[in-house]
Amino acid sequence: MNSKSLIISAPARRDLAQIGDYTQRTWGAALKRKYLNILKTAFKALRNSPAMGVARDDIAPGLHVLTVEKHMIYHRVNDEGALVIVRVLHHAMEPTHHLPQTKT
C-alpha cells in the first residue's frame, strides 16, 4: 500500500497537546496514552486512505473530516501529495470558528 507522508499542522499539534493535557487531568495518564494512540492510529489509516471521512468543501476545498471517538480530525492532501492534519477538534466545537476558509 502506498501511504502518503504525514504533516501535522502547528494548530493540530496544539490541539493534540490540549487533548492530552485535558485527558490526563480528567482521567489520568493511562487513558491519555490510550486516547492519543487511538488518534495516532486514525492518522495512520488516513495516510493509506486520505479520502476517509466526509468531504467538507463547504469549509475549504479538499477538506475532509473523520470522526474518532469524541474528536473530529480535519485533513486534506496538499499540492505535494502529503496528508495534512489541519485540526483535531472536539465534536462540540463549531469547525468554521477554528478552521481556515481556504487551503493552508
C-alpha atoms as a PDB file:
ATOM      1  CA  MET A   1       0.000   0.000   0.000  1.00  0.00           C
ATOM      2  CA  ASN A   2       1.327   3.416  -0.946  1.00  0.00           C
ATOM      3  CA  SER A   3       0.868   5.626   2.109  1.00  0.00           C
ATOM      4  CA  LYS A   4       1.234   9.372   1.997  1.00  0.00           C
ATOM      5  CA  SER A   5       3.695  11.346   4.043  1.00  0.00           C
ATOM      6  CA  LEU A   6       2.115  12.961   7.096  1.00  0.00           C
ATOM      7  CA  ILE A   7       2.194  16.612   8.116  1.00  0.00           C
ATOM      8  CA  ILE A   8       0.586  17.653  11.390  1.00  0.00           C
ATOM      9  CA  SER A   9      -0.041  21.391  11.305  1.00  0.00           C
ATOM     10  CA  ALA A  10       1.008  23.602  14.212  1.00  0.00           C
ATOM     11  CA  PRO A  11      -2.640  24.195  15.235  1.00  0.00           C
ATOM     12  CA  ALA A  12      -3.284  20.426  15.165  1.00  0.00           C
ATOM     13  CA  ARG A  13      -0.188  19.836  17.319  1.00  0.00           C
ATOM     14  CA  ARG A  14      -1.577  22.335  19.839  1.00  0.00           C
ATOM     15  CA  ASP A  15      -4.942  20.557  19.675  1.00  0.00           C
ATOM     16  CA  LEU A  16      -3.287  17.226  20.472  1.00  0.00           C
ATOM     17  CA  ALA A  17      -1.340  18.735  23.377  1.00  0.00           C
ATOM     18  CA  GLN A  18      -4.554  20.224  24.801  1.00  0.00           C
ATOM     19  CA  ILE A  19      -6.425  16.938  24.314  1.00  0.00           C
ATOM     20  CA  GLY A  20      -3.622  15.121  26.121  1.00  0.00           C
ATOM     21  CA  ASP A  21      -3.495  17.632  28.968  1.00  0.00           C
ATOM     22  CA  TYR A  22      -7.269  17.561  29.467  1.00  0.00           C
ATOM     23  CA  THR A  23      -7.454  13.779  29.299  1.00  0.00           C
ATOM     24  CA  GLN A  24      -4.629  13.357  31.810  1.00  0.00           C
ATOM     25  CA  ARG A  25      -6.144  15.883  34.245  1.00  0.00           C
ATOM     26  CA  THR A  26      -9.594  14.317  33.964  1.00  0.00           C
ATOM     27  CA  TRP A  27      -8.921  10.580  33.590  1.00  0.00           C
ATOM     28  CA  GLY A  28      -5.200  10.016  34.232  1.00  0.00           C
ATOM     29  CA  ALA A  29      -2.025   9.272  32.311  1.00  0.00           C
ATOM     30  CA  ALA A  30      -3.017   5.773  31.176  1.00  0.00           C
ATOM     31  CA  LEU A  31      -6.172   6.987  29.447  1.00  0.00           C
ATOM     32  CA  LYS A  32      -4.263   9.922  27.982  1.00  0.00           C
ATOM     33  CA  ARG A  33      -1.845   7.494  26.312  1.00  0.00           C
ATOM     34  CA  LYS A  34      -4.699   5.259  25.157  1.00  0.00           C
ATOM     35  CA  TYR A  35      -6.705   8.127  23.655  1.00  0.00           C
ATOM     36  CA  LEU A  36      -3.738   9.731  21.887  1.00  0.00           C
ATOM     37  CA  ASN A  37      -2.826   6.303  20.483  1.00  0.00           C
ATOM     38  CA  ILE A  38      -6.369   5.968  19.109  1.00  0.00           C
ATOM     39  CA  LEU A  39      -5.914   9.297  17.317  1.00  0.00           C
ATOM     40  CA  LYS A  40      -2.440   8.261  16.081  1.00  0.00           C
ATOM     41  CA  THR A  41      -3.913   5.034  14.680  1.00  0.00           C
ATOM     42  CA  ALA A  42      -6.505   7.110  12.822  1.00  0.00           C
ATOM     43  CA  PHE A  43      -3.714   9.257  11.340  1.00  0.00           C
ATOM     44  CA  LYS A  44      -2.034   6.083  10.040  1.00  0.00           C
ATOM     45  CA  ALA A  45      -5.285   4.895   8.479  1.00  0.00           C
ATOM     46  CA  LEU A  46      -5.744   8.289   6.817  1.00  0.00           C
ATOM     47  CA  ARG A  47      -2.238   8.084   5.321  1.00  0.00           C
ATOM     48  CA  ASN A  48      -3.386   4.977   3.438  1.00  0.00           C
ATOM     49  CA  SER A  49      -6.915   6.222   2.655  1.00  0.00           C
ATOM     50  CA  PRO A  50      -6.929  10.040   2.766  1.00  0.00           C
ATOM     51  CA  ALA A  51     -10.477  10.272   1.403  1.00  0.00           C
ATOM     52  CA  MET A  52     -11.867   8.601   4.549  1.00  0.00           C
ATOM     53  CA  GLY A  53     -14.486  10.624   6.303  1.00  0.00           C
ATOM     54  CA  VAL A  54     -16.809  13.268   4.959  1.00  0.00           C
ATOM     55  CA  ALA A  55     -15.865  15.915   2.393  1.00  0.00           C
ATOM     56  CA  ARG A  56     -16.148  19.442   3.808  1.00  0.00           C
ATOM     57  CA  ASP A  57     -15.597  21.516   0.676  1.00  0.00           C
ATOM     58  CA  ASP A  58     -18.130  23.920   2.202  1.00  0.00           C
ATOM     59  CA  ILE A  59     -15.389  24.973   4.641  1.00  0.00           C
ATOM     60  CA  ALA A  60     -12.332  24.701   2.373  1.00  0.00           C
ATOM     61  CA  PRO A  61     -11.651  22.966  -0.946  1.00  0.00           C
ATOM     62  CA  GLY A  62     -10.371  19.417  -0.482  1.00  0.00           C
ATOM     63  CA  LEU A  63     -11.016  19.323   3.275  1.00  0.00           C
ATOM     64  CA  HIS A  64     -12.301  16.087   4.833  1.00  0.00           C
ATOM     65  CA  VAL A  65     -13.306  15.230   8.384  1.00  0.00           C
ATOM     66  CA  LEU A  66     -13.089  11.881  10.142  1.00  0.00           C
ATOM     67  CA  THR A  67     -14.858  11.313  13.452  1.00  0.00           C
ATOM     68  CA  VAL A  68     -12.762   9.427  16.007  1.00  0.00           C
ATOM     69  CA  GLU A  69     -14.271   8.964  19.454  1.00  0.00           C
ATOM     70  CA  LYS A  70     -15.153  12.498  20.669  1.00  0.00           C
ATOM     71  CA  HIS A  71     -12.966  14.318  18.149  1.00  0.00           C
ATOM     72  CA  MET A  72     -13.089  15.330  14.529  1.00  0.00           C
ATOM     73  CA  ILE A  73      -9.882  15.042  12.505  1.00  0.00           C
ATOM     74  CA  TYR A  74      -9.887  17.680   9.757  1.00  0.00           C
ATOM     75  CA  HIS A  75      -7.476  16.721   6.994  1.00  0.00           C
ATOM     76  CA  ARG A  76      -6.620  17.198   3.344  1.00  0.00           C
ATOM     77  CA  VAL A  77      -3.996  16.228   0.799  1.00  0.00           C
ATOM     78  CA  ASN A  78      -1.708  19.137  -0.091  1.00  0.00           C
ATOM     79  CA  ASP A  79      -0.344  20.028  -3.535  1.00  0.00           C
ATOM     80  CA  GLU A  80       2.715  17.820  -2.931  1.00  0.00           C
ATOM     81  CA  GLY A  81       0.516  14.796  -2.177  1.00  0.00           C
ATOM     82  CA  ALA A  82       1.137  14.719   1.595  1.00  0.00           C
ATOM     83  CA  LEU A  83      -1.658  14.171   4.104  1.00  0.00           C
ATOM     84  CA  VAL A  84      -2.073  17.280   6.255  1.00  0.00           C
ATOM     85  CA  ILE A  85      -3.830  17.033   9.611  1.00  0.00           C
ATOM     86  CA  VAL A  86      -5.289  20.542   9.755  1.00  0.00           C
ATOM     87  CA  ARG A  87      -7.031  20.408  13.154  1.00  0.00           C
ATOM     88  CA  VAL A  88      -8.274  17.903  15.734  1.00  0.00           C
ATOM     89  CA  LEU A  89     -11.392  19.438  17.261  1.00  0.00           C
ATOM     90  CA  HIS A  90     -13.852  18.197  19.860  1.00  0.00           C
ATOM     91  CA  HIS A  91     -17.136  17.254  18.208  1.00  0.00           C
ATOM     92  CA  ALA A  92     -18.963  20.027  20.082  1.00  0.00           C
ATOM     93  CA  MET A  93     -16.741  22.756  18.579  1.00  0.00           C
ATOM     94  CA  GLU A  94     -18.011  24.719  15.586  1.00  0.00           C
ATOM     95  CA  PRO A  95     -15.445  23.994  12.862  1.00  0.00           C
ATOM     96  CA  THR A  96     -15.892  27.250  10.959  1.00  0.00           C
ATOM     97  CA  HIS A  97     -14.629  29.130  14.036  1.00  0.00           C
ATOM     98  CA  HIS A  98     -11.404  27.097  14.127  1.00  0.00           C
ATOM     99  CA  LEU A  99     -10.546  26.263  10.519  1.00  0.00           C
ATOM    100  CA  PRO A 100      -9.101  28.409   7.762  1.00  0.00           C
ATOM    101  CA  GLN A 101     -11.571  29.114   4.993  1.00  0.00           C
ATOM    102  CA  THR A 102      -9.029  28.339   2.284  1.00  0.00           C
ATOM    103  CA  LYS A 103      -6.276  25.815   1.723  1.00  0.00           C
ATOM    104  CA  THR A 104      -3.285  26.251   4.024  1.00  0.00           C
END
